[in-house]
Amino acid sequence: MREVFNIEHRGDHISVHIGKDAPVDDHWKAEYWTRLQAACKEHDTRRILVEGQAPPGERTLEDVIEAGQRTATVPHLWMAFCLDDWEPTVESELYETVAASQGVRVKFFTDREHALNWLRTNAAK
């Protein structure tokens, strides 16, 4: 199976790179969150920077709500997204809102440095 995402520790945060055309199926989501949770625990951090390609395809409102709820897999998470060619949508705003209702902070950025600054300024570690 080809690597569709890569997770690594980068000093003060966990870096996630999502590859092009990553399939968003139940297996992918389960593996992603299992590995992300393990990396956060191993490196004692709740700062996550996600970069790369937004997974292809449309998301239903139910998909977005489920994704926002799934962020609570890592309690007290701070997750900054800096995805190629990203533009704000109703779905991304809903994702941020649902994640916040789970005690998780999510924000989308178009600039990597702004994303890292937000993480470093706001998240405890």
Protein backbone atom coordinates (compact mmCIF):
# COMPACT_ATOMS: atom_id res chain seq x y z
CA MET A 1 0.00 0.00 0.00
CA ARG A 2 1.40 3.41 -0.93
CA GLU A 3 2.05 5.95 1.80
CA VAL A 4 -0.83 8.45 1.66
CA PHE A 5 0.23 10.37 4.74
CA ASN A 6 3.43 10.79 6.70
CA ILE A 7 3.61 11.69 10.40
CA GLU A 8 6.82 12.85 12.07
CA HIS A 9 7.96 14.82 15.11
CA ARG A 10 9.55 18.19 14.38
CA GLY A 11 10.85 19.51 17.70
CA ASP A 12 7.83 21.36 19.06
CA HIS A 13 5.04 19.86 16.95
CA ILE A 14 3.93 16.86 14.94
CA SER A 15 4.08 17.34 11.20
CA VAL A 16 1.61 15.54 8.96
CA HIS A 17 2.01 15.50 5.21
CA ILE A 18 -0.97 14.29 3.20
CA GLY A 19 -0.10 12.95 -0.24
CA LYS A 20 -1.90 13.63 -3.47
CA ASP A 21 -5.24 11.84 -3.97
CA ALA A 22 -5.30 10.34 -0.47
CA PRO A 23 -8.37 8.10 -0.22
CA VAL A 24 -10.68 9.09 2.59
CA ASP A 25 -12.16 5.75 3.56
CA ASP A 26 -12.77 4.20 6.97
CA HIS A 27 -9.45 2.32 6.92
CA TRP A 28 -7.50 5.50 6.10
CA LYS A 29 -9.27 7.51 8.83
CA ALA A 30 -8.71 4.82 11.47
CA GLU A 31 -5.02 4.43 10.65
CA TYR A 32 -4.49 8.21 10.46
CA TRP A 33 -5.99 8.89 13.89
CA THR A 34 -4.33 5.87 15.52
CA ARG A 35 -0.90 6.96 14.31
CA LEU A 36 -1.52 10.61 15.13
CA GLN A 37 -2.64 9.76 18.66
CA ALA A 38 0.44 7.56 19.18
CA ALA A 39 2.79 10.30 17.91
CA CYS A 40 1.23 12.90 20.23
CA LYS A 41 1.58 10.58 23.20
CA GLU A 42 5.14 9.52 22.36
CA HIS A 43 6.35 13.12 21.93
CA ASP A 44 4.10 14.66 24.60
CA THR A 45 2.65 17.32 22.31
CA ARG A 46 -0.79 18.42 21.15
CA ARG A 47 0.47 20.68 18.34
CA ILE A 48 -0.21 19.33 14.85
CA LEU A 49 0.62 20.94 11.51
CA VAL A 50 -1.09 19.28 8.56
CA GLU A 51 0.27 20.11 5.09
CA GLY A 52 -0.09 18.81 1.57
CA GLN A 53 -3.12 18.06 -0.53
CA ALA A 54 -6.70 18.20 0.63
CA PRO A 55 -8.15 14.74 0.02
CA PRO A 56 -10.21 14.74 -3.18
CA GLY A 57 -13.97 14.56 -3.38
CA GLU A 58 -16.96 16.23 -1.86
CA ARG A 59 -17.87 15.81 1.80
CA THR A 60 -21.43 15.59 3.06
CA LEU A 61 -22.39 17.52 6.17
CA GLU A 62 -22.45 14.19 8.02
CA ASP A 63 -18.85 13.52 6.88
CA VAL A 64 -17.72 16.93 8.12
CA ILE A 65 -19.46 16.52 11.47
CA GLU A 66 -17.95 13.05 11.93
CA ALA A 67 -14.49 14.38 11.05
CA GLY A 68 -14.84 17.23 13.54
CA GLN A 69 -15.92 14.83 16.26
CA ARG A 70 -13.05 12.47 15.45
CA THR A 71 -10.54 15.21 16.31
CA ALA A 72 -11.30 14.44 19.97
CA THR A 73 -9.30 11.23 19.47
CA VAL A 74 -6.44 13.41 20.73
CA PRO A 75 -7.76 15.44 23.69
CA HIS A 76 -6.81 19.14 23.87
CA LEU A 77 -5.45 19.03 20.30
CA TRP A 78 -4.39 22.17 18.42
CA MET A 79 -4.39 21.43 14.69
CA ALA A 80 -3.32 23.86 11.98
CA PHE A 81 -4.05 22.99 8.36
CA CYS A 82 -1.98 24.50 5.56
CA LEU A 83 -3.22 22.73 2.43
CA ASP A 84 -2.30 23.43 -1.18
CA ASP A 85 -4.83 25.63 -3.00
CA TRP A 86 -7.13 25.71 0.04
CA GLU A 87 -10.00 28.17 0.13
CA PRO A 88 -12.47 28.65 2.99
CA THR A 89 -15.80 26.87 2.67
CA VAL A 90 -18.91 26.34 4.74
CA GLU A 91 -17.61 22.82 5.37
CA SER A 92 -14.25 24.01 6.75
CA GLU A 93 -16.04 26.45 9.07
CA LEU A 94 -18.35 23.66 10.25
CA TYR A 95 -15.34 21.39 10.84
CA GLU A 96 -13.68 24.06 13.02
CA THR A 97 -16.92 24.56 14.98
CA VAL A 98 -17.57 20.87 15.58
CA ALA A 99 -13.94 20.32 16.62
CA ALA A 100 -14.21 23.23 19.07
CA SER A 101 -17.32 21.63 20.57
CA GLN A 102 -15.10 18.60 21.30
CA GLY A 103 -12.44 20.70 23.08
CA VAL A 104 -10.13 20.76 20.07
CA ARG A 105 -8.85 23.85 18.24
CA VAL A 106 -8.61 23.65 14.45
CA LYS A 107 -7.73 26.46 12.06
CA PHE A 108 -7.00 26.64 8.35
CA PHE A 109 -4.17 28.72 6.90
CA THR A 110 -2.75 29.52 3.49
CA ASP A 111 0.73 30.26 4.89
CA ARG A 112 2.87 27.72 6.75
CA GLU A 113 4.62 30.30 8.95
CA HIS A 114 1.30 31.77 10.10
CA ALA A 115 0.08 28.26 10.91
CA LEU A 116 3.18 27.46 12.97
CA ASN A 117 3.01 30.82 14.74
CA TRP A 118 -0.62 30.15 15.70
CA LEU A 119 0.33 26.74 17.09
CA ARG A 120 3.33 28.02 19.01
CA THR A 121 1.51 31.02 20.43
CA ASN A 122 -1.64 29.23 21.53
CA ALA A 123 -1.03 25.53 22.22
CA ALA A 124 0.65 24.63 25.51
CA LYS A 125 3.05 22.14 23.89
